[in-house]
């Protein structure tokens, strides 16, 4: 449950907090999904760009203010469910529903993962009648893939009560806690519904894994603050359109639109693709005072920034090691999941 009053206020006021567009004029919308144990389902939806708040709770039962113990008795008629508050300008109900079907067994009756009981049934519940056709469309598409009838009920939302506080953000509070679903399908979210600048889309592998993934030269530069030899980098003379991402995490860092030839011996850019994707630090090594540039999520050493760049383009020169970045051609950006950033290239 990402309860954040300031965040929601920012949405209402049209602010840009948490990736919500300052130009968004559509009100937030609500969706309700029952997919078995709500711990994993809540965490899954919380990671989808455009989702602003998720709570675990109980839906479509026969009593008032049910407790977890009462729901587990199987006598209340409630299903464990999540309430998803989302920005329709960022992510569609159709996308959310399709992602939901990727984390459940839609033909399993009253059972998901290791959990058995009517409270673990699957369902799509709508509070807005206008949402019903969208849910029906996806439901029918999924039904077409099975010979057995789907066990996923599609009903109006009769009632919904948030679960006890200890259930909210359960997997964030207990990272090793029980979870019956996989998060792998998050990568399938269409580029138009992705926010490639959202830090939650990226993670840094453990040190031992990094040593296997990176070449010794890449590891030395990104993890040991090394520097590749001048004029040796593979991207120094690259003039193709595209973006440059962190070789460690895949987080987008620079656009070819901001690249220029500086004669310094390393790829140079006038600015990062967004100010939020890099961090700057004082560097007093080698008896000099410089400003080091590191990636936000991976904390990779990228290079340094200087104030001798093109004056008509801001005056900065981001001097970056080719070994710290990976180039993704404009034509491959959709395939690689960065389609939403194509406007930053052309």
C-alpha atoms as a PDB file:
ATOM      1  CA  UNK A   1       0.000   0.000   0.000  1.00  0.00           C
ATOM      2  CA  UNK A   2       1.740   3.103  -1.186  1.00  0.00           C
ATOM      3  CA  UNK A   3      -0.089   5.560   1.041  1.00  0.00           C
ATOM      4  CA  UNK A   4       1.397   8.947   0.466  1.00  0.00           C
ATOM      5  CA  UNK A   5      -0.773  11.984   1.015  1.00  0.00           C
ATOM      6  CA  UNK A   6       1.731  14.302  -0.604  1.00  0.00           C
ATOM      7  CA  UNK A   7       1.867  12.095  -3.652  1.00  0.00           C
ATOM      8  CA  UNK A   8      -1.887  12.084  -4.110  1.00  0.00           C
ATOM      9  CA  UNK A   9      -2.044  15.818  -3.537  1.00  0.00           C
ATOM     10  CA  UNK A  10       0.579  16.239  -6.217  1.00  0.00           C
ATOM     11  CA  UNK A  11      -1.587  14.304  -8.641  1.00  0.00           C
ATOM     12  CA  UNK A  12      -4.605  16.462  -7.898  1.00  0.00           C
ATOM     13  CA  UNK A  13      -2.612  19.650  -8.319  1.00  0.00           C
ATOM     14  CA  UNK A  14      -0.996  18.434 -11.527  1.00  0.00           C
ATOM     15  CA  UNK A  15       2.468  18.102 -10.051  1.00  0.00           C
ATOM     16  CA  UNK A  16       5.150  15.832 -11.450  1.00  0.00           C
ATOM     17  CA  UNK A  17       5.800  13.727  -8.352  1.00  0.00           C
ATOM     18  CA  UNK A  18       6.418  10.006  -8.863  1.00  0.00           C
ATOM     19  CA  UNK A  19       6.301  10.237 -12.631  1.00  0.00           C
ATOM     20  CA  UNK A  20       2.727  11.551 -12.782  1.00  0.00           C
ATOM     21  CA  UNK A  21       2.515  13.949 -15.694  1.00  0.00           C
ATOM     22  CA  UNK A  22       1.950  17.582 -14.855  1.00  0.00           C
ATOM     23  CA  UNK A  23      -0.276  17.715 -17.968  1.00  0.00           C
ATOM     24  CA  UNK A  24      -2.537  14.848 -16.899  1.00  0.00           C
ATOM     25  CA  UNK A  25      -6.151  15.959 -16.780  1.00  0.00           C
ATOM     26  CA  UNK A  26      -7.859  12.593 -16.313  1.00  0.00           C
ATOM     27  CA  UNK A  27      -8.936  11.708 -12.775  1.00  0.00           C
ATOM     28  CA  UNK A  28      -7.492   8.651 -11.099  1.00  0.00           C
ATOM     29  CA  UNK A  29      -9.396   5.397 -11.540  1.00  0.00           C
ATOM     30  CA  UNK A  30      -9.905   2.298  -9.429  1.00  0.00           C
ATOM     31  CA  UNK A  31      -9.698  -1.398 -10.207  1.00  0.00           C
ATOM     32  CA  UNK A  32     -10.228  -4.438  -7.983  1.00  0.00           C
ATOM     33  CA  UNK A  33      -8.545  -7.795  -8.538  1.00  0.00           C
ATOM     34  CA  UNK A  34      -8.786 -11.051  -6.584  1.00  0.00           C
ATOM     35  CA  UNK A  35      -5.845 -13.320  -7.342  1.00  0.00           C
ATOM     36  CA  UNK A  36      -5.337 -15.535  -4.328  1.00  0.00           C
ATOM     37  CA  UNK A  37      -3.177 -14.422  -1.407  1.00  0.00           C
ATOM     38  CA  UNK A  38      -3.144 -10.634  -1.619  1.00  0.00           C
ATOM     39  CA  UNK A  39       0.446 -10.193  -0.400  1.00  0.00           C
ATOM     40  CA  UNK A  40       2.050 -10.972  -3.743  1.00  0.00           C
ATOM     41  CA  UNK A  41      -0.740  -9.478  -5.849  1.00  0.00           C
ATOM     42  CA  UNK A  42      -0.435  -6.163  -4.017  1.00  0.00           C
ATOM     43  CA  UNK A  43       3.334  -6.067  -4.501  1.00  0.00           C
ATOM     44  CA  UNK A  44       3.005  -6.969  -8.186  1.00  0.00           C
ATOM     45  CA  UNK A  45       0.616  -4.144  -9.023  1.00  0.00           C
ATOM     46  CA  UNK A  46       2.615  -1.664  -6.946  1.00  0.00           C
ATOM     47  CA  UNK A  47       5.505  -2.139  -9.390  1.00  0.00           C
ATOM     48  CA  UNK A  48       3.516  -1.208 -12.491  1.00  0.00           C
ATOM     49  CA  UNK A  49       4.235   2.321 -13.780  1.00  0.00           C
ATOM     50  CA  UNK A  50       1.087   4.425 -13.557  1.00  0.00           C
ATOM     51  CA  UNK A  51      -0.211   2.653 -10.450  1.00  0.00           C
ATOM     52  CA  UNK A  52      -0.258   5.135  -7.588  1.00  0.00           C
ATOM     53  CA  UNK A  53      -1.701   3.185  -4.691  1.00  0.00           C
ATOM     54  CA  UNK A  54      -2.498  -0.446  -3.878  1.00  0.00           C
ATOM     55  CA  UNK A  55      -4.190  -1.846  -0.781  1.00  0.00           C
ATOM     56  CA  UNK A  56      -4.886  -5.403   0.286  1.00  0.00           C
ATOM     57  CA  UNK A  57      -8.433  -6.091   1.377  1.00  0.00           C
ATOM     58  CA  UNK A  58     -11.596  -8.150   1.219  1.00  0.00           C
ATOM     59  CA  UNK A  59     -14.161  -7.898  -1.598  1.00  0.00           C
ATOM     60  CA  UNK A  60     -17.751  -8.968  -2.272  1.00  0.00           C
ATOM     61  CA  UNK A  61     -18.664 -10.598   1.009  1.00  0.00           C
ATOM     62  CA  UNK A  62     -21.750 -10.792   3.196  1.00  0.00           C
ATOM     63  CA  UNK A  63     -20.699  -9.155   6.468  1.00  0.00           C
ATOM     64  CA  UNK A  64     -19.491  -5.735   7.601  1.00  0.00           C
ATOM     65  CA  UNK A  65     -15.890  -4.940   8.493  1.00  0.00           C
ATOM     66  CA  UNK A  66     -14.594  -8.511   8.286  1.00  0.00           C
ATOM     67  CA  UNK A  67     -11.377  -9.559   9.991  1.00  0.00           C
ATOM     68  CA  UNK A  68      -8.715 -11.778   8.480  1.00  0.00           C
ATOM     69  CA  UNK A  69      -9.664 -14.593  10.844  1.00  0.00           C
ATOM     70  CA  UNK A  70     -13.315 -14.337   9.807  1.00  0.00           C
ATOM     71  CA  UNK A  71     -12.478 -14.301   6.102  1.00  0.00           C
ATOM     72  CA  UNK A  72     -10.230 -17.350   6.506  1.00  0.00           C
ATOM     73  CA  UNK A  73     -13.151 -19.255   7.994  1.00  0.00           C
ATOM     74  CA  UNK A  74     -14.693 -19.313   4.534  1.00  0.00           C
ATOM     75  CA  UNK A  75     -18.064 -18.282   5.959  1.00  0.00           C
ATOM     76  CA  UNK A  76     -18.102 -14.573   5.066  1.00  0.00           C
ATOM     77  CA  UNK A  77     -18.167 -14.860   1.284  1.00  0.00           C
ATOM     78  CA  UNK A  78     -15.238 -12.482   0.924  1.00  0.00           C
ATOM     79  CA  UNK A  79     -12.336 -12.889  -1.477  1.00  0.00           C
ATOM     80  CA  UNK A  80      -8.864 -11.623  -0.734  1.00  0.00           C
ATOM     81  CA  UNK A  81      -8.458  -8.785  -3.231  1.00  0.00           C
ATOM     82  CA  UNK A  82      -6.459  -5.669  -3.983  1.00  0.00           C
ATOM     83  CA  UNK A  83      -7.694  -2.166  -4.694  1.00  0.00           C
ATOM     84  CA  UNK A  84      -5.567  -0.533  -7.392  1.00  0.00           C
ATOM     85  CA  UNK A  85      -5.659   3.244  -7.849  1.00  0.00           C
ATOM     86  CA  UNK A  86      -4.101   4.189 -11.184  1.00  0.00           C
ATOM     87  CA  UNK A  87      -3.575   7.058 -13.603  1.00  0.00           C
ATOM     88  CA  UNK A  88      -5.321   6.141 -16.895  1.00  0.00           C
ATOM     89  CA  UNK A  89      -2.997   8.549 -18.714  1.00  0.00           C
ATOM     90  CA  UNK A  90      -0.092   6.318 -17.675  1.00  0.00           C
ATOM     91  CA  UNK A  91      -1.524   2.810 -17.755  1.00  0.00           C
ATOM     92  CA  UNK A  92      -4.769   1.406 -19.131  1.00  0.00           C
ATOM     93  CA  UNK A  93      -7.281  -0.843 -17.416  1.00  0.00           C
ATOM     94  CA  UNK A  94      -6.797  -3.298 -20.278  1.00  0.00           C
ATOM     95  CA  UNK A  95      -3.069  -3.523 -19.553  1.00  0.00           C
ATOM     96  CA  UNK A  96      -3.665  -3.967 -15.822  1.00  0.00           C
ATOM     97  CA  UNK A  97      -6.179  -6.735 -16.491  1.00  0.00           C
ATOM     98  CA  UNK A  98      -3.924  -8.543 -18.955  1.00  0.00           C
ATOM     99  CA  UNK A  99      -1.088  -8.402 -16.436  1.00  0.00           C
ATOM    100  CA  UNK A 100      -3.416  -9.787 -13.766  1.00  0.00           C
ATOM    101  CA  UNK A 101      -4.116 -12.872 -15.867  1.00  0.00           C
ATOM    102  CA  UNK A 102      -0.370 -13.497 -16.140  1.00  0.00           C
ATOM    103  CA  UNK A 103      -0.028 -14.040 -12.390  1.00  0.00           C
ATOM    104  CA  UNK A 104      -2.960 -16.378 -11.786  1.00  0.00           C
ATOM    105  CA  UNK A 105      -4.164 -19.801 -12.868  1.00  0.00           C
ATOM    106  CA  UNK A 106      -7.507 -18.703 -14.364  1.00  0.00           C
ATOM    107  CA  UNK A 107      -9.081 -22.166 -14.439  1.00  0.00           C
ATOM    108  CA  UNK A 108      -8.250 -23.105 -10.851  1.00  0.00           C
ATOM    109  CA  UNK A 109     -11.308 -23.042  -8.593  1.00  0.00           C
ATOM    110  CA  UNK A 110     -10.786 -21.563  -5.120  1.00  0.00           C
ATOM    111  CA  UNK A 111      -7.061 -22.249  -5.256  1.00  0.00           C
ATOM    112  CA  UNK A 112      -3.984 -20.203  -6.172  1.00  0.00           C
ATOM    113  CA  UNK A 113      -0.496 -21.350  -5.306  1.00  0.00           C
ATOM    114  CA  UNK A 114      -0.563 -23.258  -2.028  1.00  0.00           C
ATOM    115  CA  UNK A 115      -3.707 -21.509  -0.817  1.00  0.00           C
ATOM    116  CA  UNK A 116      -7.056 -23.271  -0.868  1.00  0.00           C
ATOM    117  CA  UNK A 117     -10.474 -21.890   0.035  1.00  0.00           C
ATOM    118  CA  UNK A 118     -13.260 -19.688  -1.331  1.00  0.00           C
ATOM    119  CA  UNK A 119     -11.420 -16.610  -0.045  1.00  0.00           C
ATOM    120  CA  UNK A 120      -8.684 -17.387  -2.585  1.00  0.00           C
ATOM    121  CA  UNK A 121     -11.002 -17.425  -5.598  1.00  0.00           C
ATOM    122  CA  UNK A 122     -10.119 -15.204  -8.534  1.00  0.00           C
ATOM    123  CA  UNK A 123     -12.190 -12.276  -9.696  1.00  0.00           C
ATOM    124  CA  UNK A 124     -12.484  -8.988 -11.537  1.00  0.00           C
ATOM    125  CA  UNK A 125     -14.705  -6.446  -9.780  1.00  0.00           C
ATOM    126  CA  UNK A 126     -15.766  -3.099 -11.204  1.00  0.00           C
ATOM    127  CA  UNK A 127     -17.079  -0.046  -9.350  1.00  0.00           C
ATOM    128  CA  UNK A 128     -17.658   1.840 -12.606  1.00  0.00           C
ATOM    129  CA  UNK A 129     -20.064   0.286 -15.113  1.00  0.00           C
ATOM    130  CA  UNK A 130     -18.004   1.856 -17.911  1.00  0.00           C
ATOM    131  CA  UNK A 131     -15.138  -0.485 -17.006  1.00  0.00           C
ATOM    132  CA  UNK A 132     -17.167  -3.638 -17.587  1.00  0.00           C
ATOM    133  CA  UNK A 133     -16.680  -3.831 -21.400  1.00  0.00           C
ATOM    134  CA  UNK A 134     -12.894  -3.595 -20.991  1.00  0.00           C
ATOM    135  CA  UNK A 135     -12.850  -6.377 -18.410  1.00  0.00           C
ATOM    136  CA  UNK A 136     -15.179  -8.517 -20.531  1.00  0.00           C
ATOM    137  CA  UNK A 137     -12.968  -8.059 -23.586  1.00  0.00           C
ATOM    138  CA  UNK A 138      -9.856  -9.321 -21.811  1.00  0.00           C
ATOM    139  CA  UNK A 139     -11.808 -12.068 -20.022  1.00  0.00           C
ATOM    140  CA  UNK A 140     -13.115 -13.395 -23.355  1.00  0.00           C
ATOM    141  CA  UNK A 141      -9.647 -13.256 -24.909  1.00  0.00           C
ATOM    142  CA  UNK A 142      -8.280 -15.395 -22.085  1.00  0.00           C
ATOM    143  CA  UNK A 143     -11.243 -17.792 -22.219  1.00  0.00           C
ATOM    144  CA  UNK A 144     -10.460 -18.381 -25.886  1.00  0.00           C
ATOM    145  CA  UNK A 145      -7.143 -19.928 -24.864  1.00  0.00           C
ATOM    146  CA  UNK A 146      -8.736 -22.623 -22.663  1.00  0.00           C
ATOM    147  CA  UNK A 147     -11.141 -25.476 -23.271  1.00  0.00           C
ATOM    148  CA  UNK A 148     -12.264 -25.389 -19.627  1.00  0.00           C
ATOM    149  CA  UNK A 149     -14.397 -22.502 -18.343  1.00  0.00           C
ATOM    150  CA  UNK A 150     -12.533 -19.745 -16.526  1.00  0.00           C
ATOM    151  CA  UNK A 151     -12.889 -19.716 -12.761  1.00  0.00           C
ATOM    152  CA  UNK A 152     -12.445 -15.931 -12.695  1.00  0.00           C
ATOM    153  CA  UNK A 153     -15.678 -14.229 -11.725  1.00  0.00           C
ATOM    154  CA  UNK A 154     -16.511 -10.870 -13.324  1.00  0.00           C
ATOM    155  CA  UNK A 155     -18.923  -8.939 -11.121  1.00  0.00           C
ATOM    156  CA  UNK A 156     -19.856  -5.469  -9.919  1.00  0.00           C
ATOM    157  CA  UNK A 157     -18.063  -4.513  -6.719  1.00  0.00           C
ATOM    158  CA  UNK A 158     -20.543  -5.066  -3.897  1.00  0.00           C
ATOM    159  CA  UNK A 159     -18.241  -3.998  -1.086  1.00  0.00           C
ATOM    160  CA  UNK A 160     -14.573  -3.733  -0.209  1.00  0.00           C
ATOM    161  CA  UNK A 161     -12.823  -3.404   3.149  1.00  0.00           C
ATOM    162  CA  UNK A 162      -9.081  -2.794   3.568  1.00  0.00           C
ATOM    163  CA  UNK A 163      -7.317  -5.603   5.399  1.00  0.00           C
ATOM    164  CA  UNK A 164      -5.528  -5.138   8.701  1.00  0.00           C
ATOM    165  CA  UNK A 165      -2.446  -2.901   8.678  1.00  0.00           C
ATOM    166  CA  UNK A 166       0.003  -5.769   9.062  1.00  0.00           C
ATOM    167  CA  UNK A 167      -1.148  -7.111   5.678  1.00  0.00           C
ATOM    168  CA  UNK A 168      -0.414  -3.844   3.872  1.00  0.00           C
ATOM    169  CA  UNK A 169       2.937  -3.719   2.031  1.00  0.00           C
ATOM    170  CA  UNK A 170       3.566  -7.163   3.492  1.00  0.00           C
ATOM    171  CA  UNK A 171       6.350  -8.167   1.108  1.00  0.00           C
ATOM    172  CA  UNK A 172       8.061  -4.810   1.487  1.00  0.00           C
ATOM    173  CA  UNK A 173       8.068  -5.311   5.257  1.00  0.00           C
ATOM    174  CA  UNK A 174       8.964  -8.996   4.901  1.00  0.00           C
ATOM    175  CA  UNK A 175      11.094  -9.431   1.734  1.00  0.00           C
ATOM    176  CA  UNK A 176      11.390 -13.173   2.267  1.00  0.00           C
ATOM    177  CA  UNK A 177       7.698 -13.631   2.972  1.00  0.00           C
ATOM    178  CA  UNK A 178       5.398 -16.083   1.224  1.00  0.00           C
ATOM    179  CA  UNK A 179       4.493 -15.141  -2.340  1.00  0.00           C
ATOM    180  CA  UNK A 180       2.731 -17.442  -4.798  1.00  0.00           C
ATOM    181  CA  UNK A 181       3.298 -15.372  -7.931  1.00  0.00           C
ATOM    182  CA  UNK A 182       6.187 -14.493 -10.246  1.00  0.00           C
ATOM    183  CA  UNK A 183       7.127 -10.916 -11.106  1.00  0.00           C
ATOM    184  CA  UNK A 184       8.765 -11.865 -14.419  1.00  0.00           C
ATOM    185  CA  UNK A 185       5.788 -10.742 -16.509  1.00  0.00           C
ATOM    186  CA  UNK A 186       6.263  -7.111 -15.465  1.00  0.00           C
ATOM    187  CA  UNK A 187       8.694  -6.853 -18.360  1.00  0.00           C
ATOM    188  CA  UNK A 188       5.793  -7.552 -20.746  1.00  0.00           C
ATOM    189  CA  UNK A 189       4.075  -4.234 -20.045  1.00  0.00           C
ATOM    190  CA  UNK A 190       3.714  -2.384 -23.375  1.00  0.00           C
ATOM    191  CA  UNK A 191       6.202   0.418 -23.902  1.00  0.00           C
ATOM    192  CA  UNK A 192       3.355   2.922 -24.200  1.00  0.00           C
ATOM    193  CA  UNK A 193       2.340   2.015 -20.658  1.00  0.00           C
ATOM    194  CA  UNK A 194       5.866   1.950 -19.265  1.00  0.00           C
ATOM    195  CA  UNK A 195       7.812   4.735 -17.649  1.00  0.00           C
ATOM    196  CA  UNK A 196      11.376   3.822 -18.546  1.00  0.00           C
ATOM    197  CA  UNK A 197      12.692   6.502 -16.192  1.00  0.00           C
ATOM    198  CA  UNK A 198      11.023   4.898 -13.165  1.00  0.00           C
ATOM    199  CA  UNK A 199      13.831   3.656 -10.910  1.00  0.00           C
ATOM    200  CA  UNK A 200      11.720   0.718  -9.701  1.00  0.00           C
ATOM    201  CA  UNK A 201      12.103  -0.896 -13.139  1.00  0.00           C
ATOM    202  CA  UNK A 202      15.796  -1.553 -12.514  1.00  0.00           C
ATOM    203  CA  UNK A 203      17.955  -3.330  -9.965  1.00  0.00           C
ATOM    204  CA  UNK A 204      21.658  -3.938  -9.451  1.00  0.00           C
ATOM    205  CA  UNK A 205      22.762  -7.598  -9.492  1.00  0.00           C
ATOM    206  CA  UNK A 206      24.828  -8.919  -6.558  1.00  0.00           C
ATOM    207  CA  UNK A 207      28.597  -8.374  -6.746  1.00  0.00           C
ATOM    208  CA  UNK A 208      29.377 -12.010  -7.562  1.00  0.00           C
ATOM    209  CA  UNK A 209      26.863 -12.016 -10.394  1.00  0.00           C
ATOM    210  CA  UNK A 210      28.267  -8.750 -11.728  1.00  0.00           C
ATOM    211  CA  UNK A 211      31.678 -10.351 -12.102  1.00  0.00           C
ATOM    212  CA  UNK A 212      30.094 -12.916 -14.405  1.00  0.00           C
ATOM    213  CA  UNK A 213      27.963 -10.473 -16.357  1.00  0.00           C
ATOM    214  CA  UNK A 214      30.614  -7.819 -16.972  1.00  0.00           C
ATOM    215  CA  UNK A 215      33.955  -8.068 -18.693  1.00  0.00           C
ATOM    216  CA  UNK A 216      36.970  -7.389 -16.439  1.00  0.00           C
ATOM    217  CA  UNK A 217      37.332  -3.990 -18.116  1.00  0.00           C
ATOM    218  CA  UNK A 218      33.667  -3.090 -17.568  1.00  0.00           C
ATOM    219  CA  UNK A 219      33.859  -4.226 -13.957  1.00  0.00           C
ATOM    220  CA  UNK A 220      36.981  -2.132 -13.351  1.00  0.00           C
ATOM    221  CA  UNK A 221      35.373   1.018 -14.732  1.00  0.00           C
ATOM    222  CA  UNK A 222      31.895   0.712 -13.206  1.00  0.00           C
ATOM    223  CA  UNK A 223      32.754  -0.874  -9.851  1.00  0.00           C
ATOM    224  CA  UNK A 224      36.345   0.261  -9.237  1.00  0.00           C
ATOM    225  CA  UNK A 225      36.078   3.813 -10.624  1.00  0.00           C
ATOM    226  CA  UNK A 226      38.444   3.003 -13.466  1.00  0.00           C
ATOM    227  CA  UNK A 227      38.897   4.883 -16.742  1.00  0.00           C
ATOM    228  CA  UNK A 228      39.197   3.427 -20.212  1.00  0.00           C
ATOM    229  CA  UNK A 229      42.101   4.567 -22.367  1.00  0.00           C
ATOM    230  CA  UNK A 230      41.390   7.761 -24.323  1.00  0.00           C
ATOM    231  CA  UNK A 231      40.156   7.255 -27.907  1.00  0.00           C
ATOM    232  CA  UNK A 232      39.650   3.521 -27.274  1.00  0.00           C
ATOM    233  CA  UNK A 233      35.920   3.468 -26.491  1.00  0.00           C
ATOM    234  CA  UNK A 234      33.552   1.745 -28.924  1.00  0.00           C
ATOM    235  CA  UNK A 235      31.020   4.584 -28.752  1.00  0.00           C
ATOM    236  CA  UNK A 236      33.410   7.495 -29.232  1.00  0.00           C
ATOM    237  CA  UNK A 237      32.535   7.907 -32.908  1.00  0.00           C
ATOM    238  CA  UNK A 238      29.042   6.418 -32.828  1.00  0.00           C
ATOM    239  CA  UNK A 239      26.617   8.726 -34.645  1.00  0.00           C
ATOM    240  CA  UNK A 240      23.643   6.359 -34.864  1.00  0.00           C
ATOM    241  CA  UNK A 241      20.318   7.439 -33.254  1.00  0.00           C
ATOM    242  CA  UNK A 242      19.389   5.758 -29.990  1.00  0.00           C
ATOM    243  CA  UNK A 243      19.943   5.784 -26.249  1.00  0.00           C
ATOM    244  CA  UNK A 244      22.763   4.751 -23.954  1.00  0.00           C
ATOM    245  CA  UNK A 245      21.869   2.706 -20.870  1.00  0.00           C
ATOM    246  CA  UNK A 246      23.767   1.634 -17.767  1.00  0.00           C
ATOM    247  CA  UNK A 247      25.658  -1.549 -18.677  1.00  0.00           C
ATOM    248  CA  UNK A 248      24.925  -2.846 -15.167  1.00  0.00           C
ATOM    249  CA  UNK A 249      21.169  -2.244 -14.796  1.00  0.00           C
ATOM    250  CA  UNK A 250      19.843  -1.166 -18.180  1.00  0.00           C
ATOM    251  CA  UNK A 251      18.652   2.158 -16.773  1.00  0.00           C
ATOM    252  CA  UNK A 252      18.543   4.795 -19.569  1.00  0.00           C
ATOM    253  CA  UNK A 253      21.205   7.476 -19.129  1.00  0.00           C
ATOM    254  CA  UNK A 254      21.903   9.451 -22.303  1.00  0.00           C
ATOM    255  CA  UNK A 255      20.389  10.145 -25.730  1.00  0.00           C
ATOM    256  CA  UNK A 256      22.196  10.379 -29.042  1.00  0.00           C
ATOM    257  CA  UNK A 257      20.416  13.719 -29.503  1.00  0.00           C
ATOM    258  CA  UNK A 258      22.674  15.153 -26.783  1.00  0.00           C
ATOM    259  CA  UNK A 259      25.926  13.554 -27.969  1.00  0.00           C
ATOM    260  CA  UNK A 260      28.691  15.646 -29.509  1.00  0.00           C
ATOM    261  CA  UNK A 261      32.328  15.235 -30.494  1.00  0.00           C
ATOM    262  CA  UNK A 262      34.520  17.018 -27.953  1.00  0.00           C
ATOM    263  CA  UNK A 263      37.993  15.804 -28.975  1.00  0.00           C
ATOM    264  CA  UNK A 264      38.601  14.719 -25.363  1.00  0.00           C
ATOM    265  CA  UNK A 265      38.864  11.028 -26.255  1.00  0.00           C
ATOM    266  CA  UNK A 266      35.643   9.816 -24.613  1.00  0.00           C
ATOM    267  CA  UNK A 267      31.955   9.915 -25.639  1.00  0.00           C
ATOM    268  CA  UNK A 268      30.557  13.299 -24.629  1.00  0.00           C
ATOM    269  CA  UNK A 269      27.011  14.471 -23.951  1.00  0.00           C
ATOM    270  CA  UNK A 270      25.552  17.868 -23.104  1.00  0.00           C
ATOM    271  CA  UNK A 271      23.131  16.381 -20.563  1.00  0.00           C
ATOM    272  CA  UNK A 272      21.656  13.093 -19.302  1.00  0.00           C
ATOM    273  CA  UNK A 273      18.353  11.893 -20.727  1.00  0.00           C
ATOM    274  CA  UNK A 274      16.803  13.103 -17.441  1.00  0.00           C
ATOM    275  CA  UNK A 275      18.473  14.805 -14.462  1.00  0.00           C
ATOM    276  CA  UNK A 276      17.159  12.096 -12.132  1.00  0.00           C
ATOM    277  CA  UNK A 277      19.080   9.191 -13.685  1.00  0.00           C
ATOM    278  CA  UNK A 278      22.559  10.312 -12.616  1.00  0.00           C
ATOM    279  CA  UNK A 279      24.122  11.468  -9.369  1.00  0.00           C
ATOM    280  CA  UNK A 280      27.094  13.777  -8.954  1.00  0.00           C
ATOM    281  CA  UNK A 281      29.899  13.524  -6.391  1.00  0.00           C
ATOM    282  CA  UNK A 282      33.077  15.425  -5.561  1.00  0.00           C
ATOM    283  CA  UNK A 283      36.159  13.556  -6.774  1.00  0.00           C
ATOM    284  CA  UNK A 284      39.535  14.553  -5.321  1.00  0.00           C
ATOM    285  CA  UNK A 285      41.526  11.676  -6.822  1.00  0.00           C
ATOM    286  CA  UNK A 286      44.853  12.234  -8.595  1.00  0.00           C
ATOM    287  CA  UNK A 287      45.270  15.603  -6.894  1.00  0.00           C
ATOM    288  CA  UNK A 288      42.377  17.146  -8.836  1.00  0.00           C
ATOM    289  CA  UNK A 289      38.921  18.385  -7.906  1.00  0.00           C
ATOM    290  CA  UNK A 290      36.389  17.013 -10.362  1.00  0.00           C
ATOM    291  CA  UNK A 291      32.704  16.146 -10.395  1.00  0.00           C
ATOM    292  CA  UNK A 292      32.131  12.429 -10.766  1.00  0.00           C
ATOM    293  CA  UNK A 293      28.985  11.135 -12.488  1.00  0.00           C
ATOM    294  CA  UNK A 294      27.378   7.866 -11.332  1.00  0.00           C
ATOM    295  CA  UNK A 295      24.200   6.071 -12.352  1.00  0.00           C
ATOM    296  CA  UNK A 296      21.231   6.351 -10.021  1.00  0.00           C
ATOM    297  CA  UNK A 297      20.154   2.729  -9.516  1.00  0.00           C
ATOM    298  CA  UNK A 298      23.344   0.827 -10.321  1.00  0.00           C
ATOM    299  CA  UNK A 299      25.652   3.364  -8.668  1.00  0.00           C
ATOM    300  CA  UNK A 300      28.034   2.678 -11.558  1.00  0.00           C
ATOM    301  CA  UNK A 301      30.965   4.991 -12.123  1.00  0.00           C
ATOM    302  CA  UNK A 302      30.261   6.572 -15.508  1.00  0.00           C
ATOM    303  CA  UNK A 303      32.786   9.376 -15.834  1.00  0.00           C
ATOM    304  CA  UNK A 304      32.886  13.091 -15.011  1.00  0.00           C
ATOM    305  CA  UNK A 305      31.068  16.292 -15.931  1.00  0.00           C
ATOM    306  CA  UNK A 306      32.880  19.496 -16.887  1.00  0.00           C
ATOM    307  CA  UNK A 307      31.769  23.047 -17.664  1.00  0.00           C
ATOM    308  CA  UNK A 308      33.526  23.332 -21.029  1.00  0.00           C
ATOM    309  CA  UNK A 309      30.722  21.990 -23.207  1.00  0.00           C
ATOM    310  CA  UNK A 310      28.902  23.806 -26.032  1.00  0.00           C
ATOM    311  CA  UNK A 311      27.682  27.129 -24.652  1.00  0.00           C
ATOM    312  CA  UNK A 312      24.589  27.110 -26.841  1.00  0.00           C
ATOM    313  CA  UNK A 313      23.563  23.729 -25.397  1.00  0.00           C
ATOM    314  CA  UNK A 314      24.011  24.460 -21.709  1.00  0.00           C
ATOM    315  CA  UNK A 315      27.784  24.582 -21.416  1.00  0.00           C
ATOM    316  CA  UNK A 316      28.275  21.125 -19.865  1.00  0.00           C
ATOM    317  CA  UNK A 317      30.293  18.144 -21.075  1.00  0.00           C
ATOM    318  CA  UNK A 318      29.453  14.748 -19.625  1.00  0.00           C
ATOM    319  CA  UNK A 319      32.610  12.743 -20.342  1.00  0.00           C
ATOM    320  CA  UNK A 320      31.510   9.089 -20.205  1.00  0.00           C
ATOM    321  CA  UNK A 321      33.330   5.764 -20.453  1.00  0.00           C
ATOM    322  CA  UNK A 322      32.074   3.537 -23.276  1.00  0.00           C
ATOM    323  CA  UNK A 323      32.657   0.557 -20.988  1.00  0.00           C
ATOM    324  CA  UNK A 324      30.031   1.882 -18.553  1.00  0.00           C
ATOM    325  CA  UNK A 325      27.210   2.107 -21.074  1.00  0.00           C
ATOM    326  CA  UNK A 326      25.370   0.059 -23.696  1.00  0.00           C
ATOM    327  CA  UNK A 327      23.919   1.537 -26.877  1.00  0.00           C
ATOM    328  CA  UNK A 328      20.387   0.703 -28.009  1.00  0.00           C
ATOM    329  CA  UNK A 329      19.602   1.745 -31.568  1.00  0.00           C
ATOM    330  CA  UNK A 330      16.450   3.771 -32.176  1.00  0.00           C
ATOM    331  CA  UNK A 331      15.026   0.944 -34.300  1.00  0.00           C
ATOM    332  CA  UNK A 332      15.400  -1.488 -31.383  1.00  0.00           C
ATOM    333  CA  UNK A 333      13.992   0.689 -28.606  1.00  0.00           C
ATOM    334  CA  UNK A 334      10.461  -0.727 -28.777  1.00  0.00           C
ATOM    335  CA  UNK A 335      11.739  -4.301 -28.763  1.00  0.00           C
ATOM    336  CA  UNK A 336      14.008  -3.610 -25.787  1.00  0.00           C
ATOM    337  CA  UNK A 337      11.256  -1.875 -23.794  1.00  0.00           C
ATOM    338  CA  UNK A 338      12.319   1.759 -24.168  1.00  0.00           C
ATOM    339  CA  UNK A 339       9.757   2.852 -26.754  1.00  0.00           C
ATOM    340  CA  UNK A 340       8.427   5.593 -24.510  1.00  0.00           C
ATOM    341  CA  UNK A 341      11.789   7.372 -24.807  1.00  0.00           C
ATOM    342  CA  UNK A 342      11.895   7.558 -28.605  1.00  0.00           C
ATOM    343  CA  UNK A 343      10.798  11.186 -28.475  1.00  0.00           C
ATOM    344  CA  UNK A 344      14.020  11.970 -26.603  1.00  0.00           C
ATOM    345  CA  UNK A 345      16.010  10.738 -29.595  1.00  0.00           C
ATOM    346  CA  UNK A 346      14.070  12.209 -32.529  1.00  0.00           C
END
